[in-house]
Amino acid sequence: MSAAVTDVAFHFGAPDKVAYTVRLLRKAVGTGARVMVVAEIDTLERLDAALWTSVPSDFLTHCWVNATGPVAALSAVVLSNGGPDEAAPLVDVLVNLGDAMPTAFERFPRVIEVVSLDDGDRQQARQRWKTYATQGYAIDRRDLNLRN
């Protein structure tokens, strides 16, 4: 059992990963957290567009991981398709929308895995769950279907 300090949560059953993530980001940023979202580029582009077109009064400042200067410093949400690396700004929460295990996830106090209703997505999430569990991480399971 490792001395795991990262909190890991799986949010299962998101009918639309991007729409759910916008709500999740709004909630996290509302608490003062900075968040990095990792995913494939097409998913991140859809999330980027959704963040620009969501409720104008609830605009979430966000940027791509390669942003510099004031844009990076003032952005509450960072989008990355390469996973967190040493150049990534320090953030409080890592949200994984991708298929793969996020690299360097242990650098973050909290990791949230968003899982859709798709069977393939759920199967890949089970593999990531097993990897976290094997490494000694306690996992919080949230079934989004039970909340409706």
N, C-alpha and C. Protein backbone atom coordinates (compact mmCIF):
# COMPACT_ATOMS: atom_id res chain seq x y z
N MET A 1 0.85 -1.18 0.00
CA MET A 1 0.00 0.00 0.00
C MET A 1 0.89 1.24 0.00
N SER A 2 0.66 2.14 -0.96
CA SER A 2 1.49 3.34 -1.04
C SER A 2 0.97 4.42 -0.09
N ALA A 3 1.78 5.43 0.13
CA ALA A 3 1.37 6.55 0.95
C ALA A 3 0.64 7.55 0.06
N ALA A 4 -0.48 7.13 -0.49
CA ALA A 4 -1.22 7.95 -1.44
C ALA A 4 -1.85 9.15 -0.75
N VAL A 5 -1.63 10.32 -1.32
CA VAL A 5 -2.23 11.52 -0.77
C VAL A 5 -3.21 12.14 -1.77
N THR A 6 -3.26 11.63 -2.95
CA THR A 6 -4.18 12.13 -3.96
C THR A 6 -5.55 11.49 -3.74
N ASP A 7 -6.60 12.31 -3.68
CA ASP A 7 -7.97 11.80 -3.61
C ASP A 7 -8.42 11.50 -5.03
N VAL A 8 -8.94 10.30 -5.25
CA VAL A 8 -9.39 9.88 -6.57
C VAL A 8 -10.90 9.63 -6.52
N ALA A 9 -11.62 10.19 -7.49
CA ALA A 9 -13.07 9.98 -7.59
C ALA A 9 -13.43 9.64 -9.02
N PHE A 10 -14.34 8.72 -9.17
CA PHE A 10 -14.90 8.38 -10.47
C PHE A 10 -16.34 8.83 -10.48
N HIS A 11 -16.70 9.62 -11.48
CA HIS A 11 -18.08 10.06 -11.67
C HIS A 11 -18.62 9.28 -12.85
N PHE A 12 -19.38 8.22 -12.55
CA PHE A 12 -19.90 7.31 -13.57
C PHE A 12 -21.28 7.74 -14.07
N GLY A 13 -21.52 7.53 -15.36
CA GLY A 13 -22.86 7.71 -15.91
C GLY A 13 -23.16 9.08 -16.48
N ALA A 14 -22.14 9.83 -16.90
CA ALA A 14 -22.38 11.15 -17.50
C ALA A 14 -22.96 10.95 -18.91
N PRO A 15 -24.20 11.40 -19.14
CA PRO A 15 -24.79 11.23 -20.47
C PRO A 15 -24.02 12.02 -21.54
N ASP A 16 -23.45 13.15 -21.14
CA ASP A 16 -22.65 13.99 -22.03
C ASP A 16 -21.45 14.47 -21.21
N LYS A 17 -20.28 13.92 -21.49
CA LYS A 17 -19.09 14.23 -20.69
C LYS A 17 -18.75 15.72 -20.70
N VAL A 18 -18.90 16.35 -21.85
CA VAL A 18 -18.55 17.78 -21.94
C VAL A 18 -19.52 18.63 -21.13
N ALA A 19 -20.82 18.41 -21.29
CA ALA A 19 -21.81 19.19 -20.53
C ALA A 19 -21.65 18.96 -19.03
N TYR A 20 -21.43 17.72 -18.64
CA TYR A 20 -21.23 17.44 -17.22
C TYR A 20 -19.97 18.13 -16.71
N THR A 21 -18.91 18.11 -17.50
CA THR A 21 -17.65 18.72 -17.08
C THR A 21 -17.78 20.23 -16.93
N VAL A 22 -18.56 20.87 -17.78
CA VAL A 22 -18.78 22.32 -17.63
C VAL A 22 -19.40 22.59 -16.25
N ARG A 23 -20.40 21.81 -15.87
CA ARG A 23 -21.02 21.99 -14.55
C ARG A 23 -20.02 21.69 -13.43
N LEU A 24 -19.25 20.62 -13.60
CA LEU A 24 -18.25 20.25 -12.60
C LEU A 24 -17.20 21.35 -12.44
N LEU A 25 -16.75 21.91 -13.55
CA LEU A 25 -15.76 22.99 -13.50
C LEU A 25 -16.33 24.23 -12.83
N ARG A 26 -17.56 24.55 -13.14
CA ARG A 26 -18.20 25.72 -12.52
C ARG A 26 -18.23 25.56 -11.00
N LYS A 27 -18.57 24.35 -10.56
CA LYS A 27 -18.61 24.08 -9.12
C LYS A 27 -17.22 24.16 -8.50
N ALA A 28 -16.23 23.53 -9.12
CA ALA A 28 -14.87 23.52 -8.58
C ALA A 28 -14.27 24.92 -8.53
N VAL A 29 -14.43 25.66 -9.62
CA VAL A 29 -13.89 27.02 -9.67
C VAL A 29 -14.61 27.91 -8.66
N GLY A 30 -15.88 27.65 -8.43
CA GLY A 30 -16.64 28.41 -7.44
C GLY A 30 -16.09 28.26 -6.03
N THR A 31 -15.38 27.17 -5.78
CA THR A 31 -14.76 26.97 -4.46
C THR A 31 -13.35 27.55 -4.41
N GLY A 32 -12.89 28.13 -5.52
CA GLY A 32 -11.55 28.72 -5.57
C GLY A 32 -10.48 27.79 -6.12
N ALA A 33 -10.88 26.60 -6.58
CA ALA A 33 -9.91 25.64 -7.10
C ALA A 33 -9.46 26.01 -8.51
N ARG A 34 -8.23 25.65 -8.83
CA ARG A 34 -7.73 25.69 -10.21
C ARG A 34 -7.76 24.26 -10.71
N VAL A 35 -8.17 24.07 -11.96
CA VAL A 35 -8.41 22.74 -12.49
C VAL A 35 -7.70 22.55 -13.82
N MET A 36 -7.10 21.37 -14.01
CA MET A 36 -6.57 20.98 -15.32
C MET A 36 -7.46 19.86 -15.85
N VAL A 37 -7.84 19.97 -17.11
CA VAL A 37 -8.62 18.93 -17.78
C VAL A 37 -7.74 18.29 -18.83
N VAL A 38 -7.61 16.96 -18.77
CA VAL A 38 -6.86 16.22 -19.78
C VAL A 38 -7.81 15.34 -20.57
N ALA A 39 -7.58 15.31 -21.89
CA ALA A 39 -8.42 14.52 -22.79
C ALA A 39 -7.79 14.55 -24.17
N GLU A 40 -8.43 13.83 -25.09
CA GLU A 40 -8.03 13.89 -26.48
C GLU A 40 -8.40 15.28 -27.02
N ILE A 41 -7.70 15.71 -28.04
CA ILE A 41 -7.85 17.07 -28.56
C ILE A 41 -9.28 17.38 -29.00
N ASP A 42 -9.98 16.45 -29.64
CA ASP A 42 -11.34 16.73 -30.09
C ASP A 42 -12.28 16.98 -28.91
N THR A 43 -12.10 16.24 -27.83
CA THR A 43 -12.92 16.46 -26.63
C THR A 43 -12.61 17.81 -26.01
N LEU A 44 -11.32 18.16 -25.96
CA LEU A 44 -10.94 19.46 -25.40
C LEU A 44 -11.45 20.61 -26.23
N GLU A 45 -11.46 20.46 -27.54
CA GLU A 45 -11.99 21.53 -28.40
C GLU A 45 -13.48 21.71 -28.17
N ARG A 46 -14.21 20.61 -27.97
CA ARG A 46 -15.65 20.73 -27.66
C ARG A 46 -15.85 21.38 -26.29
N LEU A 47 -15.00 21.03 -25.32
CA LEU A 47 -15.09 21.64 -24.00
C LEU A 47 -14.76 23.12 -24.06
N ASP A 48 -13.72 23.47 -24.80
CA ASP A 48 -13.34 24.88 -24.97
C ASP A 48 -14.51 25.67 -25.54
N ALA A 49 -15.16 25.15 -26.59
CA ALA A 49 -16.31 25.84 -27.18
C ALA A 49 -17.45 25.94 -26.18
N ALA A 50 -17.70 24.87 -25.42
CA ALA A 50 -18.79 24.90 -24.44
C ALA A 50 -18.51 25.91 -23.33
N LEU A 51 -17.26 26.06 -22.94
CA LEU A 51 -16.93 27.04 -21.91
C LEU A 51 -17.13 28.47 -22.41
N TRP A 52 -16.93 28.69 -23.70
CA TRP A 52 -17.16 30.03 -24.27
C TRP A 52 -18.64 30.32 -24.45
N THR A 53 -19.44 29.29 -24.66
CA THR A 53 -20.85 29.53 -24.97
C THR A 53 -21.79 29.25 -23.81
N SER A 54 -21.26 28.85 -22.67
CA SER A 54 -22.13 28.64 -21.52
C SER A 54 -22.62 30.00 -21.02
N VAL A 55 -23.39 30.00 -19.98
CA VAL A 55 -24.01 31.21 -19.45
C VAL A 55 -22.96 32.32 -19.30
N PRO A 56 -23.14 33.47 -20.00
CA PRO A 56 -22.14 34.54 -19.96
C PRO A 56 -21.81 35.04 -18.55
N SER A 57 -22.79 35.06 -17.66
CA SER A 57 -22.52 35.54 -16.31
C SER A 57 -21.69 34.54 -15.50
N ASP A 58 -21.61 33.31 -15.99
CA ASP A 58 -20.83 32.27 -15.31
C ASP A 58 -19.58 31.90 -16.10
N PHE A 59 -19.04 32.82 -16.87
CA PHE A 59 -17.88 32.52 -17.70
C PHE A 59 -16.73 32.00 -16.85
N LEU A 60 -16.13 30.91 -17.30
CA LEU A 60 -14.98 30.34 -16.61
C LEU A 60 -13.72 30.67 -17.39
N THR A 61 -12.81 31.38 -16.75
CA THR A 61 -11.55 31.69 -17.41
C THR A 61 -10.79 30.39 -17.64
N HIS A 62 -10.32 30.21 -18.86
CA HIS A 62 -9.61 28.98 -19.20
C HIS A 62 -8.60 29.24 -20.30
N CYS A 63 -7.63 28.34 -20.39
CA CYS A 63 -6.59 28.46 -21.41
C CYS A 63 -6.04 27.08 -21.71
N TRP A 64 -5.23 27.01 -22.75
CA TRP A 64 -4.53 25.78 -23.09
C TRP A 64 -3.25 25.73 -22.28
N VAL A 65 -2.73 24.55 -22.06
CA VAL A 65 -1.58 24.35 -21.19
C VAL A 65 -0.35 25.14 -21.64
N ASN A 66 -0.23 25.45 -22.90
CA ASN A 66 0.94 26.19 -23.38
C ASN A 66 0.79 27.71 -23.28
N ALA A 67 -0.30 28.18 -22.70
CA ALA A 67 -0.48 29.63 -22.51
C ALA A 67 0.56 30.15 -21.54
N THR A 68 0.93 31.42 -21.71
CA THR A 68 1.93 32.03 -20.84
C THR A 68 1.42 33.35 -20.31
N GLY A 69 2.19 33.93 -19.41
CA GLY A 69 1.92 35.27 -18.91
C GLY A 69 0.59 35.38 -18.18
N PRO A 70 -0.07 36.54 -18.35
CA PRO A 70 -1.29 36.79 -17.60
C PRO A 70 -2.43 35.83 -17.95
N VAL A 71 -2.46 35.35 -19.19
CA VAL A 71 -3.53 34.40 -19.56
C VAL A 71 -3.43 33.16 -18.68
N ALA A 72 -2.25 32.60 -18.58
CA ALA A 72 -2.05 31.40 -17.76
C ALA A 72 -2.28 31.71 -16.28
N ALA A 73 -1.79 32.84 -15.83
CA ALA A 73 -1.90 33.19 -14.41
C ALA A 73 -3.34 33.43 -13.98
N LEU A 74 -4.17 33.95 -14.88
CA LEU A 74 -5.54 34.29 -14.52
C LEU A 74 -6.57 33.23 -14.88
N SER A 75 -6.14 32.15 -15.51
CA SER A 75 -7.09 31.12 -15.93
C SER A 75 -7.32 30.10 -14.82
N ALA A 76 -8.58 29.89 -14.51
CA ALA A 76 -8.95 28.93 -13.47
C ALA A 76 -8.94 27.50 -14.00
N VAL A 77 -9.07 27.36 -15.32
CA VAL A 77 -9.12 26.03 -15.95
C VAL A 77 -8.05 25.96 -17.02
N VAL A 78 -7.28 24.87 -17.01
CA VAL A 78 -6.22 24.64 -17.99
C VAL A 78 -6.57 23.38 -18.77
N LEU A 79 -6.52 23.47 -20.11
CA LEU A 79 -6.83 22.34 -20.98
C LEU A 79 -5.54 21.76 -21.53
N SER A 80 -5.41 20.42 -21.45
CA SER A 80 -4.18 19.77 -21.91
C SER A 80 -4.49 18.44 -22.57
N ASN A 81 -3.96 18.25 -23.77
CA ASN A 81 -4.13 16.95 -24.42
C ASN A 81 -2.90 16.07 -24.26
N GLY A 82 -1.88 16.57 -23.59
CA GLY A 82 -0.68 15.78 -23.39
C GLY A 82 -0.50 15.33 -21.96
N GLY A 83 -1.45 15.64 -21.13
CA GLY A 83 -1.33 15.29 -19.72
C GLY A 83 -0.49 16.31 -18.98
N PRO A 84 -0.54 16.27 -17.67
CA PRO A 84 0.24 17.23 -16.89
C PRO A 84 1.73 16.95 -17.01
N ASP A 85 2.52 18.00 -17.09
CA ASP A 85 3.97 17.85 -17.13
C ASP A 85 4.59 18.92 -16.25
N GLU A 86 5.89 18.97 -16.23
CA GLU A 86 6.58 19.93 -15.36
C GLU A 86 6.26 21.38 -15.72
N ALA A 87 5.92 21.63 -16.98
CA ALA A 87 5.63 23.00 -17.40
C ALA A 87 4.20 23.40 -17.04
N ALA A 88 3.38 22.42 -16.67
CA ALA A 88 1.98 22.72 -16.35
C ALA A 88 1.89 23.53 -15.06
N PRO A 89 0.98 24.48 -15.05
CA PRO A 89 0.80 25.26 -13.82
C PRO A 89 0.27 24.36 -12.70
N LEU A 90 0.61 24.70 -11.50
CA LEU A 90 0.10 23.94 -10.36
C LEU A 90 -1.38 24.19 -10.21
N VAL A 91 -2.12 23.12 -10.14
CA VAL A 91 -3.57 23.21 -9.98
C VAL A 91 -4.01 22.29 -8.86
N ASP A 92 -5.25 22.46 -8.42
CA ASP A 92 -5.78 21.70 -7.30
C ASP A 92 -6.44 20.39 -7.72
N VAL A 93 -7.03 20.38 -8.92
CA VAL A 93 -7.81 19.23 -9.36
C VAL A 93 -7.43 18.88 -10.79
N LEU A 94 -7.26 17.58 -11.03
CA LEU A 94 -7.05 17.07 -12.37
C LEU A 94 -8.30 16.32 -12.78
N VAL A 95 -8.92 16.74 -13.89
CA VAL A 95 -10.11 16.06 -14.41
C VAL A 95 -9.69 15.31 -15.66
N ASN A 96 -9.93 14.00 -15.67
CA ASN A 96 -9.58 13.18 -16.83
C ASN A 96 -10.84 12.82 -17.61
N LEU A 97 -10.88 13.27 -18.86
CA LEU A 97 -11.96 12.90 -19.77
C LEU A 97 -11.46 11.92 -20.81
N GLY A 98 -10.19 11.60 -20.75
CA GLY A 98 -9.57 10.75 -21.77
C GLY A 98 -9.71 9.27 -21.48
N ASP A 99 -9.17 8.49 -22.41
CA ASP A 99 -9.22 7.04 -22.31
C ASP A 99 -8.09 6.47 -21.47
N ALA A 100 -6.98 7.17 -21.42
CA ALA A 100 -5.78 6.64 -20.77
C ALA A 100 -5.66 7.14 -19.33
N MET A 101 -4.85 6.44 -18.60
CA MET A 101 -4.49 6.86 -17.24
C MET A 101 -3.71 8.16 -17.35
N PRO A 102 -4.11 9.20 -16.61
CA PRO A 102 -3.37 10.46 -16.72
C PRO A 102 -1.97 10.33 -16.12
N THR A 103 -0.98 10.83 -16.85
CA THR A 103 0.39 10.78 -16.36
C THR A 103 0.57 11.80 -15.24
N ALA A 104 1.42 11.48 -14.31
CA ALA A 104 1.78 12.37 -13.19
C ALA A 104 0.57 12.81 -12.37
N PHE A 105 -0.48 12.00 -12.33
CA PHE A 105 -1.68 12.36 -11.59
C PHE A 105 -1.39 12.56 -10.10
N GLU A 106 -0.37 11.88 -9.59
CA GLU A 106 -0.06 11.96 -8.17
C GLU A 106 0.44 13.33 -7.74
N ARG A 107 0.71 14.22 -8.69
CA ARG A 107 1.12 15.61 -8.38
C ARG A 107 -0.06 16.45 -7.91
N PHE A 108 -1.27 15.94 -8.07
CA PHE A 108 -2.47 16.71 -7.79
C PHE A 108 -3.14 16.23 -6.49
N PRO A 109 -3.69 17.16 -5.73
CA PRO A 109 -4.41 16.75 -4.52
C PRO A 109 -5.67 15.93 -4.83
N ARG A 110 -6.27 16.18 -5.99
CA ARG A 110 -7.53 15.51 -6.32
C ARG A 110 -7.57 15.17 -7.80
N VAL A 111 -8.05 13.96 -8.12
CA VAL A 111 -8.26 13.53 -9.49
C VAL A 111 -9.71 13.11 -9.63
N ILE A 112 -10.36 13.59 -10.68
CA ILE A 112 -11.73 13.19 -10.98
C ILE A 112 -11.75 12.59 -12.38
N GLU A 113 -12.22 11.36 -12.46
CA GLU A 113 -12.38 10.64 -13.72
C GLU A 113 -13.85 10.74 -14.10
N VAL A 114 -14.15 11.35 -15.24
CA VAL A 114 -15.53 11.45 -15.71
C VAL A 114 -15.76 10.33 -16.72
N VAL A 115 -16.80 9.53 -16.48
CA VAL A 115 -17.06 8.34 -17.29
C VAL A 115 -18.47 8.44 -17.86
N SER A 116 -18.59 8.23 -19.16
CA SER A 116 -19.89 8.32 -19.83
C SER A 116 -20.66 7.02 -19.70
N LEU A 117 -21.78 6.95 -20.39
CA LEU A 117 -22.61 5.74 -20.43
C LEU A 117 -22.12 4.74 -21.47
N ASP A 118 -21.17 5.14 -22.31
CA ASP A 118 -20.65 4.30 -23.38
C ASP A 118 -19.93 3.08 -22.79
N ASP A 119 -20.23 1.90 -23.32
CA ASP A 119 -19.62 0.67 -22.80
C ASP A 119 -18.10 0.67 -22.92
N GLY A 120 -17.56 1.16 -24.03
CA GLY A 120 -16.11 1.23 -24.20
C GLY A 120 -15.47 2.15 -23.18
N ASP A 121 -16.09 3.30 -22.95
CA ASP A 121 -15.58 4.26 -21.97
C ASP A 121 -15.62 3.65 -20.57
N ARG A 122 -16.69 2.96 -20.26
CA ARG A 122 -16.81 2.33 -18.94
C ARG A 122 -15.76 1.24 -18.75
N GLN A 123 -15.50 0.47 -19.81
CA GLN A 123 -14.49 -0.59 -19.73
C GLN A 123 -13.10 -0.01 -19.48
N GLN A 124 -12.76 1.07 -20.18
CA GLN A 124 -11.46 1.72 -19.97
C GLN A 124 -11.37 2.30 -18.56
N ALA A 125 -12.47 2.83 -18.07
CA ALA A 125 -12.50 3.39 -16.71
C ALA A 125 -12.25 2.29 -15.68
N ARG A 126 -12.79 1.11 -15.92
CA ARG A 126 -12.56 -0.01 -15.00
C ARG A 126 -11.06 -0.35 -14.92
N GLN A 127 -10.39 -0.27 -16.06
CA GLN A 127 -8.94 -0.54 -16.06
C GLN A 127 -8.19 0.53 -15.26
N ARG A 128 -8.58 1.79 -15.44
CA ARG A 128 -7.94 2.86 -14.67
C ARG A 128 -8.22 2.67 -13.18
N TRP A 129 -9.46 2.30 -12.85
CA TRP A 129 -9.83 2.05 -11.45
C TRP A 129 -8.89 1.00 -10.85
N LYS A 130 -8.69 -0.09 -11.58
CA LYS A 130 -7.83 -1.17 -11.09
C LYS A 130 -6.40 -0.67 -10.87
N THR A 131 -5.93 0.18 -11.76
CA THR A 131 -4.58 0.72 -11.62
C THR A 131 -4.47 1.59 -10.37
N TYR A 132 -5.43 2.48 -10.16
CA TYR A 132 -5.42 3.31 -8.95
C TYR A 132 -5.45 2.42 -7.70
N ALA A 133 -6.36 1.45 -7.70
CA ALA A 133 -6.52 0.58 -6.53
C ALA A 133 -5.25 -0.22 -6.25
N THR A 134 -4.61 -0.72 -7.30
CA THR A 134 -3.37 -1.48 -7.15
C THR A 134 -2.28 -0.61 -6.54
N GLN A 135 -2.30 0.68 -6.84
CA GLN A 135 -1.29 1.60 -6.31
C GLN A 135 -1.65 2.11 -4.91
N GLY A 136 -2.78 1.64 -4.36
CA GLY A 136 -3.12 1.98 -2.98
C GLY A 136 -4.03 3.18 -2.80
N TYR A 137 -4.62 3.67 -3.86
CA TYR A 137 -5.50 4.83 -3.74
C TYR A 137 -6.91 4.40 -3.36
N ALA A 138 -7.48 5.06 -2.36
CA ALA A 138 -8.89 4.86 -2.04
C ALA A 138 -9.69 5.62 -3.09
N ILE A 139 -10.77 5.04 -3.55
CA ILE A 139 -11.52 5.64 -4.66
C ILE A 139 -12.95 5.94 -4.23
N ASP A 140 -13.38 7.16 -4.52
CA ASP A 140 -14.75 7.58 -4.26
C ASP A 140 -15.54 7.37 -5.54
N ARG A 141 -16.61 6.58 -5.46
CA ARG A 141 -17.45 6.29 -6.63
C ARG A 141 -18.71 7.13 -6.54
N ARG A 142 -19.00 7.87 -7.60
CA ARG A 142 -20.23 8.66 -7.69
C ARG A 142 -21.00 8.20 -8.91
N ASP A 143 -22.14 7.62 -8.69
CA ASP A 143 -23.00 7.17 -9.80
C ASP A 143 -23.97 8.30 -10.12
N LEU A 144 -23.75 8.96 -11.24
CA LEU A 144 -24.56 10.12 -11.61
C LEU A 144 -26.00 9.73 -11.93
N ASN A 145 -26.24 8.49 -12.33
CA ASN A 145 -27.60 8.04 -12.64
C ASN A 145 -28.45 7.97 -11.39
N LEU A 146 -27.86 7.77 -10.23
CA LEU A 146 -28.60 7.69 -8.98
C LEU A 146 -29.01 9.06 -8.47
N ARG A 147 -28.45 10.11 -9.04
CA ARG A 147 -28.74 11.47 -8.59
C ARG A 147 -29.94 12.08 -9.30
N ASN A 148 -30.44 11.42 -10.31
CA ASN A 148 -31.59 11.97 -11.06
C ASN A 148 -32.88 11.65 -10.39
